Amino acid sequence: MTVRVGVIGLGIGQVHLQHYHALPSVRIVAVADVNEALAEATAARYNARPYADGIRMIEEAELDAVSICTPPRTHRTLTEAAAARGLHVLCEKPMAPTLEDGRKMIAACREAGVILAIGFKKRYAPAYEWLKSKEATFGVPLVITVKYQHGPVNKQWFWDEADGGGPLVEAAGHALDLLRYFCGEVSSLYAQTTNFFSTAHSQTVPAEVVAVLRFANGSVAALSAGCVSEWTDNHSERWSLAYDDALAEVEGPLDQPILLRWQLRGDSAEEVHHFLRTEAGGFSGEITDFVRCVEEGKEPRANGLDGLRALQLSLALKESGRTGKVVEIAPDAI
């Protein structure tokens, strides 16, 4: 089976294209971007057809699946259009600016019988995949501390509350999703937010957060995330996980966790894994999994509900920071 794909939005969409191109069962049919010159140049590189409008691409191109890599305010419209055409969807995170938009996206894909995958690539990063594979041995982490930081972002859509929603939605969503992946549902959280390192775009949008999350299973996590550094080369992440019988740490450049070390409690022997920076981010696994799901009709590792849960938590961080109160999370409320 050849899976015919199109990519809308040629920022991060370029990375999607690189990994689609590496899969022998995929044919890149079309690309779309409002920058027509960029669309034409990219299309020429992959022997595809260029479009200046994503909806037109969905309606005209002969496709099986589409990657939606545009700013979040467009995700619902594009996803609904793709579902109406019977196309499977891989949508970049955050899945939408609002929970209502996210619900409509899930409903559209469910009714059309197509896959809705959300681009939480960290679930496919080798370091975190390895830790997840040890769940039967380690159990669920009881205490997690996370530093997930990057520098200023000077894109207007990123800071728009009706679009990217700022760092606590657009960026911290990755960390929130991975915490759910390890520990299950969050029951409550408390956050303090600041604008210490904000840009001119973020006068009213929180840029940094320090938060404590409690999970339904009793686990707790401390999270520091957002634009928490002005150093352009200090975009980094570090995870410390404490289990009943083991300890683990993962660290590296932001979204490129290249070092994993772990040991059993009471054992002085430490095991260390190093990962290539080019493989550490998880994009290859994400794209490969999506294509496999399209081919085999399987559910993706990160689906629409996962996207909605991460958005719910991101918005709760903002609410807690604004009110100074603990926010109780009701999973059924979404």
Protein backbone atom coordinates (compact mmCIF):
# COMPACT_ATOMS: atom_id res chain seq x y z
CA MET A 1 0.00 0.00 0.00
CA THR A 2 1.23 3.47 -0.91
CA VAL A 3 0.09 6.18 1.48
CA ARG A 4 -0.44 9.48 -0.33
CA VAL A 5 0.21 12.42 1.96
CA GLY A 6 -0.02 16.20 1.87
CA VAL A 7 1.49 18.69 4.31
CA ILE A 8 -0.08 22.05 5.15
CA GLY A 9 2.19 24.63 6.75
CA LEU A 10 5.85 24.54 5.79
CA GLY A 11 7.50 25.64 9.00
CA ILE A 12 7.60 22.52 11.17
CA GLY A 13 5.93 20.86 8.21
CA GLN A 14 9.37 20.68 6.60
CA VAL A 15 10.38 18.21 9.31
CA HIS A 16 7.28 16.13 8.63
CA LEU A 17 8.22 16.06 4.96
CA GLN A 18 11.76 14.87 5.68
CA HIS A 19 10.48 11.90 7.64
CA TYR A 20 7.67 11.07 5.21
CA HIS A 21 10.25 11.12 2.42
CA ALA A 22 12.33 8.53 4.27
CA LEU A 23 9.47 5.99 4.27
CA PRO A 24 9.28 3.83 1.14
CA SER A 25 5.52 3.30 1.48
CA VAL A 26 4.78 7.06 1.39
CA ARG A 27 4.33 9.31 -1.62
CA ILE A 28 4.29 13.04 -0.98
CA VAL A 29 1.57 14.31 -3.30
CA ALA A 30 1.03 17.95 -2.30
CA VAL A 31 2.21 20.74 -0.01
CA ALA A 32 0.53 24.00 0.96
CA ASP A 33 1.64 27.27 2.50
CA VAL A 34 0.46 30.87 2.35
CA ASN A 35 4.00 31.70 1.22
CA GLU A 36 3.58 30.66 -2.40
CA ALA A 37 7.29 30.81 -3.20
CA LEU A 38 8.04 28.50 -0.30
CA ALA A 39 5.29 26.11 -1.37
CA GLU A 40 6.62 26.00 -4.94
CA ALA A 41 10.23 25.45 -3.88
CA THR A 42 9.24 22.72 -1.43
CA ALA A 43 6.96 21.02 -3.94
CA ALA A 44 9.78 20.93 -6.48
CA ARG A 45 12.05 19.23 -3.92
CA TYR A 46 9.56 16.39 -3.41
CA ASN A 47 8.03 16.24 -6.89
CA ALA A 48 4.71 17.33 -5.41
CA ARG A 49 2.03 19.85 -6.32
CA PRO A 50 2.14 23.25 -4.55
CA TYR A 51 -0.87 25.05 -3.11
CA ALA A 52 -1.26 28.44 -1.49
CA ASP A 53 -4.41 27.32 0.32
CA GLY A 54 -4.70 24.23 2.53
CA ILE A 55 -8.43 23.80 2.03
CA ARG A 56 -8.01 23.77 -1.73
CA MET A 57 -5.24 21.18 -1.38
CA ILE A 58 -7.54 18.96 0.71
CA GLU A 59 -10.35 19.31 -1.81
CA GLU A 60 -8.31 18.80 -4.99
CA ALA A 61 -5.33 16.54 -4.26
CA GLU A 62 -5.65 12.75 -4.31
CA LEU A 63 -4.64 12.03 -0.72
CA ASP A 64 -4.98 9.42 2.00
CA ALA A 65 -3.63 11.53 4.85
CA VAL A 66 -2.56 15.03 5.74
CA SER A 67 -0.22 16.69 8.23
CA ILE A 68 -1.61 19.96 9.60
CA CYS A 69 1.32 22.14 10.66
CA THR A 70 -0.28 25.58 10.67
CA PRO A 71 -0.98 27.90 13.62
CA PRO A 72 -3.56 26.39 16.01
CA ARG A 73 -6.47 28.70 15.15
CA THR A 74 -6.67 26.99 11.73
CA HIS A 75 -6.56 23.41 13.02
CA ARG A 76 -10.28 22.87 13.46
CA THR A 77 -11.25 24.15 10.01
CA LEU A 78 -8.55 22.13 8.28
CA THR A 79 -9.25 18.98 10.30
CA GLU A 80 -12.98 19.15 9.61
CA ALA A 81 -12.30 19.64 5.89
CA ALA A 82 -9.89 16.69 5.84
CA ALA A 83 -12.33 14.44 7.74
CA ALA A 84 -15.10 15.37 5.30
CA ARG A 85 -12.87 14.09 2.49
CA GLY A 86 -12.08 10.88 4.38
CA LEU A 87 -8.46 11.84 5.05
CA HIS A 88 -6.52 10.73 8.11
CA VAL A 89 -5.05 13.63 10.10
CA LEU A 90 -1.79 14.21 11.94
CA CYS A 91 -2.23 17.58 13.64
CA GLU A 92 0.57 19.48 15.31
CA LYS A 93 0.11 20.49 18.90
CA PRO A 94 -1.55 22.33 20.51
CA MET A 95 -4.53 20.76 18.79
CA ALA A 96 -6.61 23.95 19.08
CA PRO A 97 -6.91 27.23 21.00
CA THR A 98 -10.08 26.09 22.82
CA LEU A 99 -11.50 22.89 24.23
CA GLU A 100 -14.60 23.35 22.11
CA ASP A 101 -12.53 23.40 18.92
CA GLY A 102 -10.73 20.27 20.07
CA ARG A 103 -14.01 18.49 20.77
CA LYS A 104 -15.28 19.37 17.28
CA MET A 105 -12.09 18.01 15.72
CA ILE A 106 -12.44 14.72 17.56
CA ALA A 107 -16.12 14.47 16.63
CA ALA A 108 -15.46 15.20 12.95
CA CYS A 109 -12.81 12.49 12.68
CA ARG A 110 -14.84 9.98 14.68
CA GLU A 111 -17.91 10.50 12.50
CA ALA A 112 -15.84 10.18 9.33
CA GLY A 113 -14.06 7.07 10.60
CA VAL A 114 -10.58 8.58 10.15
CA ILE A 115 -7.56 8.76 12.43
CA LEU A 116 -6.78 11.92 14.40
CA ALA A 117 -3.21 11.84 15.67
CA ILE A 118 -1.66 14.71 17.64
CA GLY A 119 2.01 15.62 17.24
CA PHE A 120 3.31 14.74 20.70
CA LYS A 121 6.66 13.58 19.40
CA LYS A 122 8.15 13.19 22.88
CA ARG A 123 6.22 9.95 23.32
CA TYR A 124 8.47 8.58 20.56
CA ALA A 125 11.79 9.97 21.81
CA PRO A 126 14.07 6.95 22.44
CA ALA A 127 14.87 7.93 26.04
CA TYR A 128 11.21 8.17 27.02
CA GLU A 129 10.24 5.12 25.00
CA TRP A 130 12.85 3.15 26.96
CA LEU A 131 11.49 4.37 30.29
CA LYS A 132 7.93 3.52 29.23
CA SER A 133 9.09 0.04 28.26
CA LYS A 134 10.37 -0.49 31.82
CA GLU A 135 6.95 0.19 33.35
CA ALA A 136 6.42 -3.48 34.18
CA THR A 137 9.70 -3.45 36.14
CA PHE A 138 9.85 0.09 37.52
CA GLY A 139 6.14 0.75 37.91
CA VAL A 140 4.76 4.29 37.64
CA PRO A 141 7.04 7.15 38.75
CA LEU A 142 6.00 8.48 42.15
CA VAL A 143 7.81 11.83 42.02
CA ILE A 144 8.90 13.66 38.86
CA THR A 145 10.71 16.98 38.51
CA VAL A 146 10.82 18.56 35.06
CA LYS A 147 12.71 21.50 33.59
CA TYR A 148 11.45 22.24 30.08
CA GLN A 149 12.70 25.63 28.96
CA HIS A 150 13.33 27.64 25.86
CA GLY A 151 14.17 31.21 24.92
CA PRO A 152 11.99 34.00 23.55
CA VAL A 153 9.73 33.32 20.57
CA ASN A 154 9.00 36.29 18.32
CA LYS A 155 5.97 35.04 16.41
CA GLN A 156 2.72 36.91 16.86
CA TRP A 157 0.47 33.83 16.53
CA PHE A 158 2.48 32.07 19.26
CA TRP A 159 1.45 34.72 21.84
CA ASP A 160 -2.14 35.18 20.67
CA GLU A 161 -4.64 33.83 23.23
CA ALA A 162 -6.95 32.96 20.34
CA ASP A 163 -4.19 31.07 18.54
CA GLY A 164 -1.00 29.56 19.99
CA GLY A 165 -1.87 30.70 23.51
CA GLY A 166 1.71 31.43 24.54
CA PRO A 167 4.40 29.15 26.01
CA LEU A 168 2.13 27.52 28.60
CA VAL A 169 -0.01 26.11 25.79
CA GLU A 170 2.18 25.94 22.72
CA ALA A 171 5.31 24.60 24.42
CA ALA A 172 4.51 23.28 27.90
CA GLY A 173 1.88 21.03 26.33
CA HIS A 174 4.67 18.62 25.38
CA ALA A 175 5.77 18.23 29.00
CA LEU A 176 2.18 17.94 30.23
CA ASP A 177 1.42 15.21 27.72
CA LEU A 178 4.51 13.23 28.67
CA LEU A 179 3.63 13.50 32.35
CA ARG A 180 0.20 12.03 31.55
CA TYR A 181 1.89 9.33 29.47
CA PHE A 182 3.91 8.24 32.49
CA CYS A 183 1.50 8.86 35.39
CA GLY A 184 -2.05 8.91 34.04
CA GLU A 185 -4.63 11.60 34.69
CA VAL A 186 -3.93 14.75 36.71
CA SER A 187 -6.33 15.36 39.60
CA SER A 188 -5.21 18.87 40.60
CA LEU A 189 -2.51 21.45 39.98
CA TYR A 190 -1.22 24.70 41.42
CA ALA A 191 0.82 27.16 39.36
CA GLN A 192 2.67 30.44 39.69
CA THR A 193 3.20 32.26 36.40
CA THR A 194 5.45 35.19 35.47
CA ASN A 195 6.60 37.34 32.57
CA PHE A 196 10.21 37.83 33.66
CA PHE A 197 11.63 36.81 30.29
CA SER A 198 8.74 37.81 28.07
CA THR A 199 9.02 39.56 24.74
CA ALA A 200 7.02 42.54 23.51
CA HIS A 201 4.34 40.09 22.38
CA SER A 202 3.52 38.79 25.84
CA GLN A 203 2.47 41.72 27.98
CA THR A 204 -0.69 39.91 29.10
CA VAL A 205 0.19 36.28 28.30
CA PRO A 206 2.14 34.35 30.95
CA ALA A 207 5.56 33.34 29.67
CA GLU A 208 6.85 31.09 32.46
CA VAL A 209 5.33 28.69 34.94
CA VAL A 210 6.39 26.81 38.04
CA ALA A 211 3.73 24.27 38.96
CA VAL A 212 2.96 21.28 41.14
CA LEU A 213 0.70 18.56 39.75
CA ARG A 214 -0.95 15.71 41.62
CA PHE A 215 -2.16 12.64 39.75
CA ALA A 216 -5.15 10.43 40.42
CA ASN A 217 -2.79 7.57 41.30
CA GLY A 218 -1.05 9.68 43.98
CA SER A 219 2.08 10.60 42.00
CA VAL A 220 3.30 14.21 42.13
CA ALA A 221 5.30 16.31 39.67
CA ALA A 222 7.05 19.66 39.78
CA LEU A 223 7.22 21.48 36.44
CA SER A 224 9.23 24.51 35.35
CA ALA A 225 8.45 25.46 31.77
CA GLY A 226 8.07 28.27 29.27
CA CYS A 227 10.33 31.08 28.15
CA VAL A 228 12.45 30.85 31.27
CA SER A 229 15.76 31.94 29.82
CA GLU A 230 17.07 34.77 27.66
CA TRP A 231 20.08 32.68 26.67
CA THR A 232 19.48 31.65 23.08
CA ASP A 233 21.61 28.51 23.48
CA ASN A 234 20.08 27.41 26.78
CA HIS A 235 16.98 25.69 25.46
CA SER A 236 17.07 22.49 27.46
CA GLU A 237 15.12 19.84 29.28
CA ARG A 238 15.79 17.65 32.28
CA TRP A 239 13.58 15.00 33.82
CA SER A 240 14.18 13.28 37.17
CA LEU A 241 11.93 10.32 37.94
CA ALA A 242 11.75 8.46 41.26
CA TYR A 243 10.10 5.04 41.33
CA ASP A 244 9.56 2.55 44.15
CA ASP A 245 12.68 0.63 43.23
CA ALA A 246 14.54 2.78 40.71
CA LEU A 247 15.77 6.28 39.87
CA ALA A 248 16.15 7.76 36.38
CA GLU A 249 17.23 11.02 34.77
CA VAL A 250 16.89 12.23 31.20
CA GLU A 251 18.49 15.41 29.87
CA GLY A 252 19.65 17.20 26.76
CA PRO A 253 18.88 20.15 24.50
CA LEU A 254 15.19 21.03 24.25
CA ASP A 255 13.32 18.22 22.48
CA GLN A 256 16.59 16.34 21.96
CA PRO A 257 17.06 14.30 25.16
CA ILE A 258 20.37 12.60 24.44
CA LEU A 259 21.30 11.21 27.87
CA LEU A 260 19.46 8.67 30.02
CA ARG A 261 20.84 7.25 33.22
CA TRP A 262 19.19 4.99 35.77
CA GLN A 263 19.87 2.68 38.66
CA LEU A 264 17.99 0.44 41.02
CA ARG A 265 17.63 1.64 44.59
CA GLY A 266 20.34 0.22 46.81
CA ASP A 267 22.48 -0.68 43.80
CA SER A 268 25.57 1.44 43.19
CA ALA A 269 25.76 0.37 39.55
CA GLU A 270 24.45 3.06 37.19
CA GLU A 271 23.48 2.36 33.59
CA VAL A 272 23.90 5.14 31.03
CA HIS A 273 22.40 5.37 27.54
CA HIS A 274 23.45 7.94 24.95
CA PHE A 275 21.29 8.77 21.94
CA LEU A 276 22.23 10.51 18.70
CA ARG A 277 20.97 14.07 18.65
CA THR A 278 19.47 13.51 15.19
CA GLU A 279 17.36 10.62 16.52
CA ALA A 280 16.57 11.85 20.04
CA GLY A 281 13.61 14.11 19.27
CA GLY A 282 11.04 11.46 18.34
CA PHE A 283 9.85 12.87 15.00
CA SER A 284 10.85 9.76 13.08
CA GLY A 285 8.85 7.52 15.40
CA GLU A 286 5.86 9.85 15.32
CA ILE A 287 5.65 9.93 11.51
CA THR A 288 6.34 6.21 11.19
CA ASP A 289 3.61 5.39 13.71
CA PHE A 290 1.09 7.63 11.96
CA VAL A 291 1.75 6.00 8.60
CA ARG A 292 1.51 2.54 10.17
CA CYS A 293 -1.82 3.48 11.73
CA VAL A 294 -3.12 4.64 8.35
CA GLU A 295 -1.97 1.40 6.73
CA GLU A 296 -3.32 -0.91 9.44
CA GLY A 297 -6.29 1.04 10.77
CA LYS A 298 -4.82 1.28 14.26
CA GLU A 299 -5.12 3.96 16.95
CA PRO A 300 -2.11 6.30 17.21
CA ARG A 301 -0.06 6.51 20.39
CA ALA A 302 -1.19 10.12 20.86
CA ASN A 303 -4.78 10.67 19.73
CA GLY A 304 -7.30 13.49 19.79
CA LEU A 305 -8.27 12.86 23.40
CA ASP A 306 -4.61 13.14 24.42
CA GLY A 307 -4.47 16.49 22.64
CA LEU A 308 -7.60 17.65 24.45
CA ARG A 309 -6.27 16.56 27.85
CA ALA A 310 -2.98 18.42 27.31
CA LEU A 311 -4.89 21.55 26.29
CA GLN A 312 -7.10 21.24 29.37
CA LEU A 313 -3.99 21.12 31.60
CA SER A 314 -2.33 24.02 29.78
CA LEU A 315 -5.39 26.19 30.30
CA ALA A 316 -5.54 25.08 33.95
CA LEU A 317 -1.96 26.29 34.46
CA LYS A 318 -3.04 29.71 33.26
CA GLU A 319 -6.13 29.69 35.43
CA SER A 320 -4.19 28.77 38.54
CA GLY A 321 -1.54 31.39 37.81
CA ARG A 322 -4.23 34.03 37.31
CA THR A 323 -6.28 33.17 40.40
CA GLY A 324 -3.58 31.91 42.75
CA LYS A 325 -5.76 28.89 43.53
CA VAL A 326 -5.47 25.14 43.15
CA VAL A 327 -7.36 23.93 40.07
CA GLU A 328 -9.15 20.62 40.35
CA ILE A 329 -9.04 18.68 37.09
CA ALA A 330 -12.16 16.79 36.10
CA PRO A 331 -11.29 14.56 33.14
CA ASP A 332 -14.94 13.93 32.35
CA ALA A 333 -15.55 17.69 32.07
CA ILE A 334 -13.96 17.87 28.64
